[in-house]
């Protein structure tokens, strides 16, 4: 997964400067569709008996119209590194990760309504820690008793009073049993 992430992030960082994030994401999806729908092309590109130069020529011809030089260069890089089989996962990672542009969806659970200034401070701290821009959604969860819980993707940071009480209860039960 790290390899997929590294290639996707690298391509998007490179392409953002010239064609923009939206265009790069669109072309990743279009190229994924072309490869998925054309098994002969995919077989040709995966064939180890065909040399790299021939494969690059085919990429230039097949992806000439409607595709940028950036996506062609990226496909050639994947061919050179023997990573063409990972292209679909790279394109899918990019689509999911950047579905909201540069922003990552985050859900903030809080037991009380926060004022705008507090929420903005919380968001800025979280963005620095995660090294990403957040699209923050807030959900009230009075059962937390206090504190906050932040969910970003499949990661959760729980600083709620309820979590702390549950942890304390678990430690006390473990100490009593021992």
N, C-alpha and C. Protein backbone atom coordinates (compact mmCIF):
# COMPACT_ATOMS: atom_id res chain seq x y z
N UNK A 1 0.83 -1.20 0.00
CA UNK A 1 0.00 0.00 0.00
C UNK A 1 0.87 1.26 0.00
N UNK A 2 2.00 1.19 0.69
CA UNK A 2 2.87 2.37 0.73
C UNK A 2 3.38 2.71 -0.66
N UNK A 3 3.66 1.68 -1.45
CA UNK A 3 4.14 1.89 -2.81
C UNK A 3 3.07 2.59 -3.65
N UNK A 4 1.85 2.13 -3.54
CA UNK A 4 0.72 2.72 -4.27
C UNK A 4 0.57 4.19 -3.86
N UNK A 5 0.59 4.44 -2.58
CA UNK A 5 0.45 5.81 -2.07
C UNK A 5 1.59 6.69 -2.59
N UNK A 6 2.82 6.17 -2.54
CA UNK A 6 3.98 6.96 -2.96
C UNK A 6 3.89 7.34 -4.44
N UNK A 7 3.50 6.40 -5.29
CA UNK A 7 3.38 6.71 -6.72
C UNK A 7 2.23 7.69 -6.98
N UNK A 8 1.09 7.46 -6.33
CA UNK A 8 -0.06 8.35 -6.53
C UNK A 8 0.26 9.77 -6.07
N UNK A 9 0.81 9.89 -4.88
CA UNK A 9 1.14 11.22 -4.34
C UNK A 9 2.21 11.89 -5.20
N UNK A 10 3.21 11.11 -5.64
CA UNK A 10 4.27 11.67 -6.48
C UNK A 10 3.73 12.19 -7.80
N UNK A 11 2.89 11.40 -8.45
CA UNK A 11 2.32 11.84 -9.72
C UNK A 11 1.47 13.09 -9.53
N UNK A 12 0.61 13.10 -8.53
CA UNK A 12 -0.28 14.24 -8.33
C UNK A 12 0.50 15.50 -7.96
N UNK A 13 1.55 15.37 -7.19
CA UNK A 13 2.38 16.52 -6.85
C UNK A 13 3.03 17.09 -8.11
N UNK A 14 3.53 16.20 -8.97
CA UNK A 14 4.15 16.59 -10.24
C UNK A 14 3.10 17.23 -11.17
N UNK A 15 1.94 16.62 -11.29
CA UNK A 15 0.93 17.09 -12.24
C UNK A 15 0.21 18.35 -11.77
N UNK A 16 0.12 18.55 -10.46
CA UNK A 16 -0.57 19.74 -9.93
C UNK A 16 0.03 21.02 -10.50
N UNK A 17 1.34 21.03 -10.64
CA UNK A 17 2.04 22.23 -11.09
C UNK A 17 1.73 22.58 -12.54
N UNK A 18 1.51 21.57 -13.38
CA UNK A 18 1.32 21.86 -14.80
C UNK A 18 -0.13 21.77 -15.26
N UNK A 19 -0.82 20.68 -14.93
CA UNK A 19 -2.19 20.52 -15.45
C UNK A 19 -3.25 20.69 -14.37
N UNK A 20 -2.87 20.75 -13.13
CA UNK A 20 -3.82 20.93 -12.04
C UNK A 20 -4.34 19.61 -11.50
N UNK A 21 -4.77 19.63 -10.26
CA UNK A 21 -5.21 18.43 -9.56
C UNK A 21 -6.44 17.81 -10.22
N UNK A 22 -7.43 18.61 -10.56
CA UNK A 22 -8.66 18.08 -11.16
C UNK A 22 -8.39 17.36 -12.48
N UNK A 23 -7.58 17.98 -13.32
CA UNK A 23 -7.25 17.37 -14.62
C UNK A 23 -6.45 16.09 -14.42
N UNK A 24 -5.52 16.10 -13.47
CA UNK A 24 -4.71 14.90 -13.21
C UNK A 24 -5.59 13.75 -12.74
N UNK A 25 -6.53 14.03 -11.84
CA UNK A 25 -7.43 12.99 -11.35
C UNK A 25 -8.32 12.46 -12.47
N UNK A 26 -8.80 13.36 -13.31
CA UNK A 26 -9.64 12.96 -14.44
C UNK A 26 -8.86 12.05 -15.40
N UNK A 27 -7.63 12.41 -15.68
CA UNK A 27 -6.84 11.61 -16.61
C UNK A 27 -6.44 10.27 -16.01
N UNK A 28 -6.18 10.22 -14.70
CA UNK A 28 -5.90 8.94 -14.05
C UNK A 28 -7.08 7.99 -14.23
N UNK A 29 -8.29 8.52 -14.03
CA UNK A 29 -9.49 7.69 -14.17
C UNK A 29 -9.70 7.26 -15.62
N UNK A 30 -9.53 8.20 -16.56
CA UNK A 30 -9.71 7.87 -17.98
C UNK A 30 -8.71 6.80 -18.42
N UNK A 31 -7.47 6.93 -18.00
CA UNK A 31 -6.45 5.94 -18.37
C UNK A 31 -6.76 4.59 -17.73
N UNK A 32 -7.26 4.62 -16.50
CA UNK A 32 -7.64 3.36 -15.83
C UNK A 32 -8.76 2.67 -16.62
N UNK A 33 -9.73 3.46 -17.09
CA UNK A 33 -10.83 2.90 -17.88
C UNK A 33 -10.33 2.32 -19.20
N UNK A 34 -9.40 3.01 -19.85
CA UNK A 34 -8.84 2.52 -21.12
C UNK A 34 -8.15 1.18 -20.90
N UNK A 35 -7.34 1.11 -19.85
CA UNK A 35 -6.60 -0.13 -19.57
C UNK A 35 -7.54 -1.27 -19.16
N UNK A 36 -8.56 -0.94 -18.38
CA UNK A 36 -9.51 -1.96 -17.94
C UNK A 36 -10.35 -2.49 -19.10
N UNK A 37 -10.75 -1.60 -19.99
CA UNK A 37 -11.62 -1.98 -21.11
C UNK A 37 -10.86 -2.61 -22.28
N UNK A 38 -9.56 -2.50 -22.31
CA UNK A 38 -8.77 -3.02 -23.42
C UNK A 38 -7.74 -4.02 -22.89
N UNK A 39 -8.16 -5.25 -22.75
CA UNK A 39 -7.30 -6.29 -22.19
C UNK A 39 -6.10 -6.60 -23.09
N UNK A 40 -6.26 -6.43 -24.40
CA UNK A 40 -5.14 -6.65 -25.31
C UNK A 40 -4.02 -5.65 -25.04
N UNK A 41 -4.39 -4.40 -24.83
CA UNK A 41 -3.40 -3.37 -24.50
C UNK A 41 -2.71 -3.70 -23.18
N UNK A 42 -3.50 -4.07 -22.21
CA UNK A 42 -2.94 -4.41 -20.90
C UNK A 42 -1.98 -5.60 -21.02
N UNK A 43 -2.37 -6.60 -21.79
CA UNK A 43 -1.50 -7.77 -22.01
C UNK A 43 -0.21 -7.38 -22.71
N UNK A 44 -0.32 -6.48 -23.69
CA UNK A 44 0.86 -6.01 -24.41
C UNK A 44 1.82 -5.31 -23.45
N UNK A 45 1.29 -4.42 -22.61
CA UNK A 45 2.14 -3.66 -21.69
C UNK A 45 2.75 -4.53 -20.60
N UNK A 46 2.06 -5.62 -20.25
CA UNK A 46 2.56 -6.54 -19.22
C UNK A 46 3.52 -7.58 -19.78
N UNK A 47 3.61 -7.70 -21.09
CA UNK A 47 4.40 -8.75 -21.73
C UNK A 47 5.91 -8.46 -21.58
N UNK A 48 6.64 -9.33 -20.87
CA UNK A 48 8.08 -9.09 -20.67
C UNK A 48 8.91 -9.30 -21.94
N UNK A 49 8.35 -9.95 -22.95
CA UNK A 49 9.08 -10.20 -24.19
C UNK A 49 9.17 -8.96 -25.07
N UNK A 50 8.32 -7.97 -24.81
CA UNK A 50 8.31 -6.74 -25.61
C UNK A 50 9.19 -5.71 -24.91
N UNK A 51 10.05 -5.05 -25.69
CA UNK A 51 10.99 -4.12 -25.06
C UNK A 51 10.31 -2.80 -24.65
N UNK A 52 10.99 -2.12 -23.79
CA UNK A 52 10.46 -0.90 -23.17
C UNK A 52 10.16 0.20 -24.20
N UNK A 53 11.00 0.35 -25.18
CA UNK A 53 10.82 1.40 -26.19
C UNK A 53 9.53 1.16 -26.98
N UNK A 54 9.26 -0.08 -27.36
CA UNK A 54 8.02 -0.39 -28.09
C UNK A 54 6.80 -0.08 -27.24
N UNK A 55 6.87 -0.44 -25.97
CA UNK A 55 5.76 -0.18 -25.06
C UNK A 55 5.53 1.33 -24.93
N UNK A 56 6.60 2.10 -24.82
CA UNK A 56 6.47 3.56 -24.70
C UNK A 56 5.86 4.16 -25.96
N UNK A 57 6.23 3.63 -27.12
CA UNK A 57 5.64 4.11 -28.38
C UNK A 57 4.14 3.85 -28.41
N UNK A 58 3.72 2.68 -27.93
CA UNK A 58 2.29 2.35 -27.90
C UNK A 58 1.57 3.27 -26.91
N UNK A 59 2.18 3.53 -25.76
CA UNK A 59 1.57 4.45 -24.78
C UNK A 59 1.38 5.82 -25.42
N UNK A 60 2.39 6.30 -26.14
CA UNK A 60 2.28 7.62 -26.80
C UNK A 60 1.16 7.64 -27.83
N UNK A 61 0.96 6.54 -28.54
CA UNK A 61 -0.09 6.50 -29.57
C UNK A 61 -1.48 6.34 -28.96
N UNK A 62 -1.62 5.40 -28.02
CA UNK A 62 -2.93 5.12 -27.43
C UNK A 62 -3.42 6.30 -26.58
N UNK A 63 -2.51 6.92 -25.85
CA UNK A 63 -2.90 7.99 -24.94
C UNK A 63 -2.55 9.37 -25.49
N UNK A 64 -2.54 9.49 -26.82
CA UNK A 64 -2.21 10.78 -27.45
C UNK A 64 -3.36 11.77 -27.36
N UNK A 65 -4.54 11.33 -27.73
CA UNK A 65 -5.67 12.25 -27.80
C UNK A 65 -6.45 12.22 -26.48
N UNK A 66 -6.63 13.41 -25.92
CA UNK A 66 -7.40 13.52 -24.68
C UNK A 66 -6.59 13.29 -23.42
N UNK A 67 -5.29 13.08 -23.57
CA UNK A 67 -4.42 12.86 -22.41
C UNK A 67 -3.24 13.81 -22.48
N UNK A 68 -2.76 14.21 -21.32
CA UNK A 68 -1.62 15.11 -21.25
C UNK A 68 -0.30 14.35 -21.34
N UNK A 69 0.76 15.08 -21.57
CA UNK A 69 2.10 14.50 -21.57
C UNK A 69 2.42 13.95 -20.17
N UNK A 70 1.88 14.57 -19.13
CA UNK A 70 2.15 14.14 -17.75
C UNK A 70 1.67 12.71 -17.51
N UNK A 71 0.48 12.38 -17.97
CA UNK A 71 -0.03 11.02 -17.74
C UNK A 71 0.76 10.02 -18.58
N UNK A 72 1.14 10.41 -19.79
CA UNK A 72 1.96 9.52 -20.61
C UNK A 72 3.31 9.27 -19.95
N UNK A 73 3.92 10.32 -19.41
CA UNK A 73 5.20 10.16 -18.71
C UNK A 73 5.05 9.27 -17.49
N UNK A 74 3.94 9.41 -16.79
CA UNK A 74 3.70 8.59 -15.60
C UNK A 74 3.56 7.12 -15.98
N UNK A 75 2.80 6.85 -17.04
CA UNK A 75 2.64 5.46 -17.49
C UNK A 75 3.99 4.87 -17.93
N UNK A 76 4.81 5.67 -18.58
CA UNK A 76 6.13 5.20 -19.00
C UNK A 76 7.01 4.91 -17.79
N UNK A 77 6.90 5.74 -16.78
CA UNK A 77 7.67 5.50 -15.55
C UNK A 77 7.26 4.18 -14.92
N UNK A 78 5.96 3.93 -14.85
CA UNK A 78 5.47 2.67 -14.29
C UNK A 78 5.97 1.48 -15.12
N UNK A 79 5.98 1.64 -16.43
CA UNK A 79 6.50 0.57 -17.29
C UNK A 79 7.98 0.32 -17.00
N UNK A 80 8.74 1.40 -16.91
CA UNK A 80 10.19 1.30 -16.68
C UNK A 80 10.48 0.60 -15.35
N UNK A 81 9.69 0.91 -14.32
CA UNK A 81 9.91 0.36 -13.00
C UNK A 81 9.23 -1.00 -12.79
N UNK A 82 8.50 -1.46 -13.81
CA UNK A 82 7.80 -2.75 -13.70
C UNK A 82 6.62 -2.70 -12.76
N UNK A 83 5.97 -1.55 -12.68
CA UNK A 83 4.86 -1.35 -11.75
C UNK A 83 3.52 -1.14 -12.45
N UNK A 84 3.44 -1.46 -13.71
CA UNK A 84 2.21 -1.23 -14.46
C UNK A 84 1.03 -2.00 -13.87
N UNK A 85 1.29 -3.14 -13.28
CA UNK A 85 0.23 -3.94 -12.66
C UNK A 85 -0.41 -3.24 -11.47
N UNK A 86 0.22 -2.23 -10.95
CA UNK A 86 -0.32 -1.49 -9.80
C UNK A 86 -1.08 -0.24 -10.21
N UNK A 87 -1.15 0.02 -11.49
CA UNK A 87 -1.77 1.28 -11.95
C UNK A 87 -3.21 1.45 -11.45
N UNK A 88 -3.99 0.40 -11.53
CA UNK A 88 -5.39 0.51 -11.12
C UNK A 88 -5.51 0.91 -9.65
N UNK A 89 -4.69 0.33 -8.81
CA UNK A 89 -4.72 0.67 -7.38
C UNK A 89 -4.22 2.09 -7.14
N UNK A 90 -3.24 2.52 -7.92
CA UNK A 90 -2.73 3.89 -7.80
C UNK A 90 -3.82 4.88 -8.16
N UNK A 91 -4.52 4.64 -9.27
CA UNK A 91 -5.60 5.53 -9.70
C UNK A 91 -6.73 5.54 -8.68
N UNK A 92 -7.05 4.39 -8.13
CA UNK A 92 -8.14 4.29 -7.14
C UNK A 92 -7.76 5.00 -5.84
N UNK A 93 -6.52 4.84 -5.41
CA UNK A 93 -6.05 5.55 -4.21
C UNK A 93 -6.19 7.06 -4.41
N UNK A 94 -5.74 7.54 -5.55
CA UNK A 94 -5.80 8.98 -5.85
C UNK A 94 -7.24 9.47 -5.85
N UNK A 95 -8.14 8.69 -6.43
CA UNK A 95 -9.55 9.10 -6.48
C UNK A 95 -10.13 9.21 -5.08
N UNK A 96 -9.87 8.22 -4.24
CA UNK A 96 -10.42 8.23 -2.89
C UNK A 96 -9.78 9.33 -2.05
N UNK A 97 -8.47 9.44 -2.13
CA UNK A 97 -7.74 10.40 -1.28
C UNK A 97 -8.08 11.84 -1.63
N UNK A 98 -8.30 12.11 -2.92
CA UNK A 98 -8.54 13.49 -3.35
C UNK A 98 -9.97 13.71 -3.85
N UNK A 99 -10.91 12.94 -3.34
CA UNK A 99 -12.31 13.09 -3.74
C UNK A 99 -12.84 14.49 -3.42
N UNK A 100 -12.26 15.12 -2.42
CA UNK A 100 -12.68 16.47 -2.03
C UNK A 100 -11.58 17.47 -2.36
N UNK A 101 -10.90 17.27 -3.45
CA UNK A 101 -9.79 18.15 -3.81
C UNK A 101 -8.61 17.84 -2.90
N UNK A 102 -7.95 18.89 -2.44
CA UNK A 102 -6.80 18.70 -1.56
C UNK A 102 -7.21 18.37 -0.14
N UNK A 103 -8.49 18.48 0.16
CA UNK A 103 -8.95 18.32 1.53
C UNK A 103 -9.31 16.87 1.85
N UNK A 104 -9.00 16.47 3.07
CA UNK A 104 -9.33 15.14 3.57
C UNK A 104 -10.54 15.29 4.48
N UNK A 105 -11.52 14.39 4.32
CA UNK A 105 -12.71 14.44 5.16
C UNK A 105 -12.37 14.02 6.58
N UNK A 106 -12.85 14.80 7.54
CA UNK A 106 -12.63 14.49 8.95
C UNK A 106 -13.92 14.74 9.71
N UNK A 107 -14.22 13.86 10.64
CA UNK A 107 -15.43 13.99 11.43
C UNK A 107 -15.03 14.24 12.87
N UNK A 108 -15.49 15.35 13.41
CA UNK A 108 -15.19 15.73 14.78
C UNK A 108 -16.44 15.49 15.62
N UNK A 109 -16.29 14.59 16.59
CA UNK A 109 -17.37 14.34 17.55
C UNK A 109 -17.08 15.16 18.80
N UNK A 110 -18.06 15.87 19.27
CA UNK A 110 -17.89 16.67 20.47
C UNK A 110 -19.16 16.59 21.31
N UNK A 111 -19.01 16.73 22.60
CA UNK A 111 -20.17 16.60 23.48
C UNK A 111 -20.93 17.91 23.63
N UNK A 112 -20.38 18.99 23.11
CA UNK A 112 -21.02 20.29 23.21
C UNK A 112 -20.75 21.09 21.94
N UNK A 113 -21.54 22.12 21.71
CA UNK A 113 -21.32 22.98 20.55
C UNK A 113 -20.08 23.83 20.77
N UNK A 114 -19.18 23.81 19.83
CA UNK A 114 -17.97 24.63 19.90
C UNK A 114 -18.21 25.94 19.18
N UNK A 115 -17.61 27.01 19.70
CA UNK A 115 -17.69 28.26 18.96
C UNK A 115 -16.73 28.18 17.77
N UNK A 116 -16.91 29.04 16.82
CA UNK A 116 -16.14 28.99 15.56
C UNK A 116 -14.65 29.11 15.80
N UNK A 117 -14.25 29.97 16.71
CA UNK A 117 -12.83 30.19 16.98
C UNK A 117 -12.18 28.91 17.54
N UNK A 118 -12.85 28.24 18.48
CA UNK A 118 -12.32 27.00 19.06
C UNK A 118 -12.22 25.91 17.99
N UNK A 119 -13.24 25.82 17.17
CA UNK A 119 -13.25 24.81 16.11
C UNK A 119 -12.13 25.07 15.11
N UNK A 120 -11.91 26.32 14.76
CA UNK A 120 -10.85 26.67 13.82
C UNK A 120 -9.47 26.36 14.42
N UNK A 121 -9.29 26.63 15.70
CA UNK A 121 -8.04 26.29 16.38
C UNK A 121 -7.81 24.79 16.37
N UNK A 122 -8.85 24.03 16.69
CA UNK A 122 -8.76 22.57 16.68
C UNK A 122 -8.40 22.07 15.29
N UNK A 123 -9.05 22.61 14.28
CA UNK A 123 -8.81 22.21 12.89
C UNK A 123 -7.36 22.49 12.49
N UNK A 124 -6.86 23.67 12.84
CA UNK A 124 -5.48 24.04 12.50
C UNK A 124 -4.47 23.10 13.15
N UNK A 125 -4.70 22.75 14.41
CA UNK A 125 -3.79 21.82 15.11
C UNK A 125 -3.83 20.45 14.43
N UNK A 126 -5.04 19.97 14.12
CA UNK A 126 -5.18 18.66 13.48
C UNK A 126 -4.53 18.66 12.10
N UNK A 127 -4.68 19.74 11.33
CA UNK A 127 -4.07 19.82 10.01
C UNK A 127 -2.54 19.76 10.09
N UNK A 128 -1.98 20.42 11.09
CA UNK A 128 -0.51 20.39 11.26
C UNK A 128 -0.05 18.99 11.63
N UNK A 129 -0.78 18.32 12.53
CA UNK A 129 -0.39 16.97 12.95
C UNK A 129 -0.52 15.97 11.80
N UNK A 130 -1.57 16.11 11.01
CA UNK A 130 -1.83 15.17 9.91
C UNK A 130 -1.14 15.56 8.61
N UNK A 131 -0.62 16.79 8.56
CA UNK A 131 0.02 17.31 7.36
C UNK A 131 -0.92 17.23 6.16
N UNK A 132 -2.18 17.66 6.38
CA UNK A 132 -3.19 17.64 5.31
C UNK A 132 -4.25 18.69 5.61
N UNK A 133 -4.86 19.21 4.56
CA UNK A 133 -5.99 20.12 4.73
C UNK A 133 -7.22 19.29 5.02
N UNK A 134 -8.03 19.73 5.98
CA UNK A 134 -9.19 18.96 6.39
C UNK A 134 -10.49 19.64 5.97
N UNK A 135 -11.43 18.82 5.55
CA UNK A 135 -12.82 19.24 5.38
C UNK A 135 -13.50 18.72 6.64
N UNK A 136 -13.74 19.59 7.61
CA UNK A 136 -14.19 19.18 8.94
C UNK A 136 -15.71 19.19 9.03
N UNK A 137 -16.25 18.07 9.48
CA UNK A 137 -17.66 17.93 9.76
C UNK A 137 -17.80 17.71 11.26
N UNK A 138 -18.83 18.29 11.86
CA UNK A 138 -19.01 18.19 13.31
C UNK A 138 -20.28 17.41 13.61
N UNK A 139 -20.17 16.52 14.59
CA UNK A 139 -21.31 15.73 15.03
C UNK A 139 -21.37 15.80 16.54
N UNK A 140 -22.53 16.13 17.07
CA UNK A 140 -22.70 16.18 18.53
C UNK A 140 -22.89 14.77 19.07
N UNK A 141 -22.15 14.46 20.13
CA UNK A 141 -22.23 13.15 20.77
C UNK A 141 -22.22 13.36 22.28
N UNK A 142 -23.38 13.70 22.86
CA UNK A 142 -23.43 14.02 24.29
C UNK A 142 -23.03 12.85 25.19
N UNK A 143 -23.09 11.61 24.68
CA UNK A 143 -22.70 10.45 25.49
C UNK A 143 -21.20 10.41 25.77
N UNK A 144 -20.41 11.27 25.12
CA UNK A 144 -18.96 11.31 25.35
C UNK A 144 -18.62 11.97 26.69
N UNK A 145 -19.55 12.70 27.28
CA UNK A 145 -19.41 13.38 28.57
C UNK A 145 -18.49 14.59 28.54
N UNK A 146 -17.69 14.74 27.54
CA UNK A 146 -16.76 15.86 27.42
C UNK A 146 -15.64 15.49 26.48
N UNK A 147 -14.82 16.47 26.11
CA UNK A 147 -13.70 16.19 25.22
C UNK A 147 -14.14 16.10 23.77
N UNK A 148 -13.29 15.48 22.95
CA UNK A 148 -13.56 15.37 21.52
C UNK A 148 -12.94 14.10 20.96
N UNK A 149 -13.48 13.67 19.82
CA UNK A 149 -12.95 12.51 19.09
C UNK A 149 -12.91 12.90 17.62
N UNK A 150 -11.77 12.65 16.98
CA UNK A 150 -11.58 13.01 15.58
C UNK A 150 -11.38 11.73 14.77
N UNK A 151 -12.17 11.58 13.72
CA UNK A 151 -12.06 10.43 12.82
C UNK A 151 -11.67 10.92 11.43
N UNK A 152 -10.53 10.41 10.95
CA UNK A 152 -10.04 10.75 9.61
C UNK A 152 -9.75 9.42 8.92
N UNK A 153 -10.57 9.10 7.93
CA UNK A 153 -10.43 7.81 7.27
C UNK A 153 -10.69 6.70 8.26
N UNK A 154 -9.75 5.78 8.39
CA UNK A 154 -9.93 4.69 9.34
C UNK A 154 -9.14 4.91 10.63
N UNK A 155 -8.67 6.12 10.84
CA UNK A 155 -7.94 6.47 12.07
C UNK A 155 -8.83 7.31 12.97
N UNK A 156 -8.75 7.03 14.27
CA UNK A 156 -9.56 7.76 15.24
C UNK A 156 -8.66 8.19 16.39
N UNK A 157 -8.75 9.46 16.74
CA UNK A 157 -8.06 9.99 17.93
C UNK A 157 -9.15 10.35 18.91
N UNK A 158 -9.15 9.65 20.05
CA UNK A 158 -10.22 9.81 21.02
C UNK A 158 -9.70 10.46 22.30
N UNK A 159 -10.12 11.69 22.53
CA UNK A 159 -9.75 12.42 23.74
C UNK A 159 -10.99 12.71 24.57
N UNK A 160 -11.97 11.83 24.48
CA UNK A 160 -13.22 12.06 25.20
C UNK A 160 -13.10 11.60 26.66
N UNK A 161 -13.92 12.18 27.50
CA UNK A 161 -13.97 11.80 28.91
C UNK A 161 -14.43 10.35 29.02
N UNK A 162 -15.41 9.97 28.21
CA UNK A 162 -15.91 8.59 28.23
C UNK A 162 -14.79 7.59 27.95
N UNK A 163 -13.94 7.88 26.98
CA UNK A 163 -12.81 6.99 26.66
C UNK A 163 -11.85 6.90 27.84
N UNK A 164 -11.57 8.02 28.45
CA UNK A 164 -10.65 8.02 29.60
C UNK A 164 -11.23 7.22 30.77
N UNK A 165 -12.53 7.35 30.99
CA UNK A 165 -13.18 6.59 32.07
C UNK A 165 -13.16 5.09 31.74
N UNK A 166 -13.42 4.74 30.49
CA UNK A 166 -13.37 3.33 30.07
C UNK A 166 -11.96 2.76 30.25
N UNK A 167 -10.94 3.54 29.90
CA UNK A 167 -9.55 3.10 30.09
C UNK A 167 -9.24 2.90 31.56
N UNK A 168 -9.69 3.82 32.39
CA UNK A 168 -9.46 3.72 33.83
C UNK A 168 -10.16 2.49 34.40
N UNK A 169 -11.39 2.24 33.95
CA UNK A 169 -12.14 1.08 34.41
C UNK A 169 -11.41 -0.21 34.03
N UNK A 170 -10.91 -0.28 32.81
CA UNK A 170 -10.19 -1.45 32.33
C UNK A 170 -8.92 -1.68 33.16
N UNK A 171 -8.20 -0.62 33.49
CA UNK A 171 -6.97 -0.74 34.30
C UNK A 171 -7.31 -1.20 35.72
N UNK A 172 -8.38 -0.67 36.28
CA UNK A 172 -8.76 -1.06 37.63
C UNK A 172 -9.19 -2.54 37.68
N UNK A 173 -9.93 -2.97 36.67
CA UNK A 173 -10.33 -4.39 36.62
C UNK A 173 -9.11 -5.29 36.43
N UNK A 174 -8.17 -4.85 35.62
CA UNK A 174 -6.96 -5.64 35.43
C UNK A 174 -6.11 -5.71 36.70
N UNK A 175 -6.07 -4.62 37.44
CA UNK A 175 -5.30 -4.57 38.68
C UNK A 175 -5.96 -5.42 39.75
N UNK A 176 -7.28 -5.44 39.80
CA UNK A 176 -7.99 -6.20 40.80
C UNK A 176 -7.86 -7.70 40.53
N UNK A 177 -7.83 -8.11 39.28
CA UNK A 177 -7.72 -9.51 38.92
C UNK A 177 -6.31 -10.03 39.23
N UNK A 178 -5.31 -9.20 39.05
CA UNK A 178 -3.91 -9.63 39.22
C UNK A 178 -3.51 -9.75 40.64
